[in-house]
N, C-alpha and C. Protein backbone atom coordinates (compact mmCIF):
# COMPACT_ATOMS: atom_id res chain seq x y z
N MET A 1 0.84 -1.16 0.00
CA MET A 1 0.00 0.00 0.00
C MET A 1 0.89 1.23 0.00
N THR A 2 0.50 2.21 -0.77
CA THR A 2 1.24 3.47 -0.79
C THR A 2 0.31 4.61 -0.41
N PHE A 3 0.88 5.61 0.24
CA PHE A 3 0.16 6.81 0.64
C PHE A 3 0.90 8.01 0.08
N PHE A 4 0.18 9.02 -0.28
CA PHE A 4 0.76 10.30 -0.67
C PHE A 4 1.78 10.16 -1.80
N GLY A 5 1.33 9.57 -2.91
CA GLY A 5 2.20 9.44 -4.07
C GLY A 5 3.41 8.56 -3.80
N ALA A 6 3.25 7.54 -2.99
CA ALA A 6 4.29 6.58 -2.64
C ALA A 6 5.35 7.17 -1.72
N ALA A 7 5.09 8.33 -1.12
CA ALA A 7 6.03 8.88 -0.14
C ALA A 7 6.07 7.99 1.10
N VAL A 8 4.97 7.30 1.37
CA VAL A 8 4.88 6.37 2.49
C VAL A 8 4.40 5.05 1.91
N SER A 9 5.20 3.99 2.07
CA SER A 9 4.82 2.67 1.56
C SER A 9 4.84 1.66 2.70
N ARG A 10 3.88 0.77 2.68
CA ARG A 10 3.78 -0.29 3.67
C ARG A 10 3.32 -1.56 2.96
N SER A 11 3.71 -2.72 3.53
CA SER A 11 3.22 -3.98 2.97
C SER A 11 2.90 -4.93 4.12
N GLY A 12 1.94 -5.80 3.91
CA GLY A 12 1.50 -6.73 4.93
C GLY A 12 0.66 -6.02 5.98
N TRP A 13 -0.33 -6.74 6.51
CA TRP A 13 -1.26 -6.12 7.44
C TRP A 13 -0.55 -5.58 8.69
N ASP A 14 0.54 -6.22 9.13
CA ASP A 14 1.26 -5.74 10.32
C ASP A 14 1.82 -4.34 10.12
N GLU A 15 2.12 -3.95 8.88
CA GLU A 15 2.58 -2.60 8.58
C GLU A 15 1.43 -1.68 8.16
N ILE A 16 0.46 -2.23 7.45
CA ILE A 16 -0.64 -1.42 6.92
C ILE A 16 -1.57 -0.94 8.04
N ALA A 17 -1.94 -1.81 8.97
CA ALA A 17 -2.88 -1.44 10.04
C ALA A 17 -2.37 -0.24 10.85
N PRO A 18 -1.11 -0.24 11.33
CA PRO A 18 -0.64 0.94 12.06
C PRO A 18 -0.59 2.20 11.19
N ALA A 19 -0.33 2.04 9.90
CA ALA A 19 -0.31 3.21 9.01
C ALA A 19 -1.72 3.81 8.90
N PHE A 20 -2.74 2.95 8.79
CA PHE A 20 -4.12 3.44 8.76
C PHE A 20 -4.48 4.12 10.07
N GLU A 21 -4.06 3.55 11.20
CA GLU A 21 -4.33 4.15 12.50
C GLU A 21 -3.66 5.51 12.62
N ALA A 22 -2.41 5.61 12.17
CA ALA A 22 -1.70 6.89 12.21
C ALA A 22 -2.39 7.92 11.31
N LEU A 23 -2.81 7.49 10.13
CA LEU A 23 -3.51 8.38 9.22
C LEU A 23 -4.81 8.86 9.84
N ALA A 24 -5.59 7.94 10.41
CA ALA A 24 -6.87 8.30 11.02
C ALA A 24 -6.68 9.28 12.17
N SER A 25 -5.57 9.15 12.89
CA SER A 25 -5.34 10.04 14.04
C SER A 25 -5.08 11.48 13.62
N GLN A 26 -4.83 11.72 12.34
CA GLN A 26 -4.56 13.06 11.85
C GLN A 26 -5.83 13.88 11.62
N PHE A 27 -7.00 13.22 11.68
CA PHE A 27 -8.28 13.89 11.43
C PHE A 27 -9.02 14.12 12.74
N SER A 28 -9.65 15.30 12.87
CA SER A 28 -10.45 15.58 14.06
C SER A 28 -11.58 16.55 13.70
N ASP A 29 -12.60 16.51 14.51
CA ASP A 29 -13.69 17.47 14.41
C ASP A 29 -14.30 17.53 13.00
N CYS A 30 -14.64 16.37 12.45
CA CYS A 30 -15.26 16.34 11.12
C CYS A 30 -16.64 16.99 11.20
N ARG A 31 -16.83 18.02 10.41
CA ARG A 31 -18.10 18.76 10.44
C ARG A 31 -19.01 18.41 9.27
N SER A 32 -18.42 17.95 8.17
CA SER A 32 -19.26 17.54 7.04
C SER A 32 -18.46 16.66 6.09
N PHE A 33 -19.19 15.78 5.38
CA PHE A 33 -18.61 14.93 4.35
C PHE A 33 -19.69 14.67 3.31
N GLU A 34 -19.35 14.87 2.05
CA GLU A 34 -20.28 14.61 0.95
C GLU A 34 -19.50 13.96 -0.18
N TYR A 35 -20.07 12.91 -0.78
CA TYR A 35 -19.45 12.26 -1.93
C TYR A 35 -20.28 12.60 -3.17
N GLU A 36 -19.67 13.30 -4.10
CA GLU A 36 -20.32 13.68 -5.36
C GLU A 36 -19.94 12.67 -6.43
N VAL A 37 -20.87 11.83 -6.84
CA VAL A 37 -20.60 10.78 -7.82
C VAL A 37 -20.56 11.38 -9.22
N ILE A 38 -19.46 11.12 -9.93
CA ILE A 38 -19.30 11.55 -11.32
C ILE A 38 -19.62 10.39 -12.26
N ALA A 39 -19.15 9.20 -11.91
CA ALA A 39 -19.40 8.01 -12.71
C ALA A 39 -19.31 6.78 -11.83
N ALA A 40 -20.08 5.75 -12.19
CA ALA A 40 -20.05 4.49 -11.45
C ALA A 40 -20.50 3.38 -12.39
N GLY A 41 -20.02 2.20 -12.12
CA GLY A 41 -20.43 1.07 -12.93
C GLY A 41 -19.95 -0.24 -12.34
N ALA A 42 -20.52 -1.32 -12.83
CA ALA A 42 -20.13 -2.65 -12.37
C ALA A 42 -20.27 -3.62 -13.53
N SER A 43 -19.39 -4.61 -13.53
CA SER A 43 -19.44 -5.67 -14.53
C SER A 43 -18.88 -6.93 -13.88
N GLY A 44 -19.72 -7.91 -13.74
CA GLY A 44 -19.27 -9.14 -13.11
C GLY A 44 -18.86 -8.91 -11.67
N GLU A 45 -17.63 -9.23 -11.35
CA GLU A 45 -17.13 -9.15 -9.97
C GLU A 45 -16.40 -7.84 -9.68
N LEU A 46 -16.34 -6.91 -10.65
CA LEU A 46 -15.65 -5.65 -10.44
C LEU A 46 -16.59 -4.46 -10.57
N ALA A 47 -16.30 -3.41 -9.81
CA ALA A 47 -17.08 -2.18 -9.89
C ALA A 47 -16.15 -1.00 -9.69
N PHE A 48 -16.60 0.18 -10.12
CA PHE A 48 -15.81 1.39 -9.92
C PHE A 48 -16.72 2.54 -9.52
N LEU A 49 -16.11 3.51 -8.87
CA LEU A 49 -16.79 4.72 -8.45
C LEU A 49 -15.80 5.86 -8.61
N VAL A 50 -16.22 6.91 -9.30
CA VAL A 50 -15.38 8.09 -9.52
C VAL A 50 -16.15 9.30 -9.04
N GLY A 51 -15.50 10.15 -8.28
CA GLY A 51 -16.21 11.32 -7.80
C GLY A 51 -15.32 12.29 -7.04
N TYR A 52 -15.99 13.18 -6.32
CA TYR A 52 -15.31 14.16 -5.48
C TYR A 52 -15.76 13.96 -4.04
N GLU A 53 -14.79 13.93 -3.12
CA GLU A 53 -15.09 13.95 -1.70
C GLU A 53 -14.96 15.39 -1.23
N HIS A 54 -16.04 15.93 -0.67
CA HIS A 54 -16.03 17.29 -0.13
C HIS A 54 -16.10 17.14 1.40
N THR A 55 -15.08 17.60 2.08
CA THR A 55 -14.95 17.37 3.52
C THR A 55 -14.61 18.66 4.25
N THR A 56 -15.14 18.81 5.43
CA THR A 56 -14.72 19.88 6.35
C THR A 56 -14.30 19.19 7.64
N THR A 57 -13.01 19.25 7.94
CA THR A 57 -12.47 18.57 9.11
C THR A 57 -11.14 19.20 9.49
N GLY A 58 -10.68 18.91 10.69
CA GLY A 58 -9.35 19.32 11.11
C GLY A 58 -8.35 18.29 10.65
N VAL A 59 -7.23 18.73 10.11
CA VAL A 59 -6.19 17.83 9.63
C VAL A 59 -4.86 18.23 10.25
N ALA A 60 -4.16 17.24 10.79
CA ALA A 60 -2.82 17.44 11.35
C ALA A 60 -2.81 18.56 12.38
N GLY A 61 -3.82 18.59 13.24
CA GLY A 61 -3.87 19.55 14.33
C GLY A 61 -4.42 20.92 13.99
N ALA A 62 -4.75 21.16 12.73
CA ALA A 62 -5.27 22.46 12.32
C ALA A 62 -6.77 22.56 12.62
N GLU A 63 -7.28 23.77 12.61
CA GLU A 63 -8.71 24.00 12.75
C GLU A 63 -9.44 23.39 11.55
N PRO A 64 -10.71 22.99 11.70
CA PRO A 64 -11.46 22.44 10.57
C PRO A 64 -11.45 23.38 9.36
N GLU A 65 -11.25 22.78 8.20
CA GLU A 65 -11.17 23.51 6.95
C GLU A 65 -11.82 22.66 5.87
N SER A 66 -12.42 23.29 4.88
CA SER A 66 -13.05 22.56 3.79
C SER A 66 -12.02 22.26 2.70
N TYR A 67 -12.12 21.07 2.13
CA TYR A 67 -11.28 20.71 0.99
C TYR A 67 -12.00 19.65 0.16
N SER A 68 -11.54 19.48 -1.07
CA SER A 68 -12.13 18.49 -1.97
C SER A 68 -11.03 17.64 -2.60
N LEU A 69 -11.31 16.35 -2.71
CA LEU A 69 -10.40 15.41 -3.36
C LEU A 69 -11.11 14.75 -4.53
N ARG A 70 -10.39 14.54 -5.64
CA ARG A 70 -10.88 13.69 -6.72
C ARG A 70 -10.55 12.27 -6.31
N VAL A 71 -11.52 11.36 -6.40
CA VAL A 71 -11.32 10.02 -5.89
C VAL A 71 -11.80 8.98 -6.90
N THR A 72 -10.99 7.94 -7.04
CA THR A 72 -11.36 6.77 -7.84
C THR A 72 -11.27 5.56 -6.93
N THR A 73 -12.33 4.75 -6.90
CA THR A 73 -12.35 3.55 -6.07
C THR A 73 -12.72 2.35 -6.93
N ILE A 74 -11.96 1.27 -6.77
CA ILE A 74 -12.24 0.01 -7.46
C ILE A 74 -12.64 -1.01 -6.41
N LEU A 75 -13.71 -1.74 -6.68
CA LEU A 75 -14.21 -2.74 -5.74
C LEU A 75 -14.28 -4.10 -6.41
N ARG A 76 -14.15 -5.15 -5.59
CA ARG A 76 -14.26 -6.52 -6.09
C ARG A 76 -15.29 -7.25 -5.21
N HIS A 77 -16.15 -8.03 -5.84
CA HIS A 77 -17.16 -8.79 -5.11
C HIS A 77 -16.53 -10.10 -4.63
N GLU A 78 -16.43 -10.25 -3.31
CA GLU A 78 -15.82 -11.44 -2.71
C GLU A 78 -16.71 -11.97 -1.60
N GLU A 79 -17.01 -13.24 -1.65
CA GLU A 79 -17.77 -13.90 -0.59
C GLU A 79 -19.03 -13.13 -0.21
N GLY A 80 -19.74 -12.63 -1.22
CA GLY A 80 -21.01 -11.95 -1.00
C GLY A 80 -20.92 -10.50 -0.60
N GLU A 81 -19.72 -9.92 -0.58
CA GLU A 81 -19.54 -8.52 -0.18
C GLU A 81 -18.69 -7.78 -1.20
N TRP A 82 -18.96 -6.49 -1.34
CA TRP A 82 -18.11 -5.64 -2.17
C TRP A 82 -16.98 -5.11 -1.29
N LYS A 83 -15.73 -5.33 -1.73
CA LYS A 83 -14.56 -4.91 -0.96
C LYS A 83 -13.71 -3.97 -1.79
N VAL A 84 -13.23 -2.91 -1.16
CA VAL A 84 -12.36 -1.96 -1.85
C VAL A 84 -11.01 -2.62 -2.07
N VAL A 85 -10.56 -2.64 -3.33
CA VAL A 85 -9.25 -3.20 -3.65
C VAL A 85 -8.27 -2.11 -4.12
N HIS A 86 -8.80 -0.94 -4.43
CA HIS A 86 -7.94 0.17 -4.84
C HIS A 86 -8.69 1.48 -4.62
N ARG A 87 -7.98 2.47 -4.08
CA ARG A 87 -8.54 3.81 -3.94
C ARG A 87 -7.44 4.80 -4.19
N HIS A 88 -7.73 5.77 -5.02
CA HIS A 88 -6.78 6.85 -5.27
C HIS A 88 -7.51 8.17 -5.10
N GLY A 89 -6.93 9.05 -4.32
CA GLY A 89 -7.51 10.38 -4.15
C GLY A 89 -6.42 11.42 -4.25
N ASP A 90 -6.72 12.51 -4.92
CA ASP A 90 -5.76 13.61 -4.98
C ASP A 90 -6.53 14.93 -4.99
N PRO A 91 -5.85 16.01 -4.59
CA PRO A 91 -6.54 17.30 -4.54
C PRO A 91 -7.02 17.73 -5.92
N LYS A 92 -8.18 18.37 -5.93
CA LYS A 92 -8.64 18.99 -7.18
C LYS A 92 -7.60 20.04 -7.57
N PRO A 93 -7.40 20.26 -8.86
CA PRO A 93 -6.38 21.21 -9.29
C PRO A 93 -6.52 22.61 -8.69
N ASP A 94 -7.75 23.03 -8.40
CA ASP A 94 -7.96 24.37 -7.86
C ASP A 94 -8.10 24.38 -6.34
N SER A 95 -7.68 23.30 -5.66
CA SER A 95 -7.87 23.19 -4.22
C SER A 95 -6.54 23.34 -3.49
N ALA A 96 -6.12 24.57 -3.26
CA ALA A 96 -4.87 24.83 -2.54
C ALA A 96 -4.96 24.28 -1.11
N SER A 97 -6.12 24.41 -0.46
CA SER A 97 -6.24 23.94 0.92
C SER A 97 -6.05 22.42 1.00
N ALA A 98 -6.57 21.67 0.02
CA ALA A 98 -6.39 20.22 0.04
C ALA A 98 -4.92 19.86 -0.14
N ARG A 99 -4.24 20.54 -1.05
CA ARG A 99 -2.81 20.27 -1.25
C ARG A 99 -2.03 20.55 0.03
N GLU A 100 -2.34 21.64 0.72
CA GLU A 100 -1.64 21.98 1.96
C GLU A 100 -1.89 20.92 3.03
N GLN A 101 -3.12 20.43 3.12
CA GLN A 101 -3.42 19.42 4.13
C GLN A 101 -2.75 18.10 3.81
N VAL A 102 -2.67 17.73 2.54
CA VAL A 102 -1.98 16.50 2.14
C VAL A 102 -0.50 16.60 2.52
N VAL A 103 0.12 17.75 2.29
CA VAL A 103 1.53 17.94 2.65
C VAL A 103 1.72 17.81 4.16
N ARG A 104 0.83 18.41 4.94
CA ARG A 104 0.93 18.31 6.41
C ARG A 104 0.86 16.86 6.88
N MET A 105 -0.09 16.09 6.33
CA MET A 105 -0.22 14.69 6.73
C MET A 105 0.99 13.89 6.29
N GLN A 106 1.46 14.14 5.07
CA GLN A 106 2.62 13.42 4.55
C GLN A 106 3.82 13.65 5.45
N GLN A 107 4.05 14.88 5.89
CA GLN A 107 5.18 15.18 6.76
C GLN A 107 5.06 14.46 8.10
N ARG A 108 3.87 14.37 8.63
CA ARG A 108 3.69 13.71 9.92
C ARG A 108 3.81 12.20 9.84
N LEU A 109 3.49 11.62 8.67
CA LEU A 109 3.49 10.16 8.54
C LEU A 109 4.78 9.61 7.94
N SER A 110 5.62 10.45 7.40
CA SER A 110 6.86 9.97 6.76
C SER A 110 7.85 9.47 7.79
């Protein structure tokens, strides 16, 4: 698994689980979250979702701030459940606040 453009890489659940916990600890005081779907589809055992995540939350100790990420998610149907097998999110080109927050998290997790 890679985070922040492969600046942080982990493999195996023993490394991935603590990385997720560290990442989650960087968020606080979530005031809103909205997923704007741009495209979605499924075929057989695979599905995809493309959209924008609009969030207002505190990141890396800062006061809550609004930002948007472009997100692509790939899912696979396994044992009766849809499971995320890939997710990529990056700041919208016009979202300076999202880029700043990504840099703050990257510095804390590196």
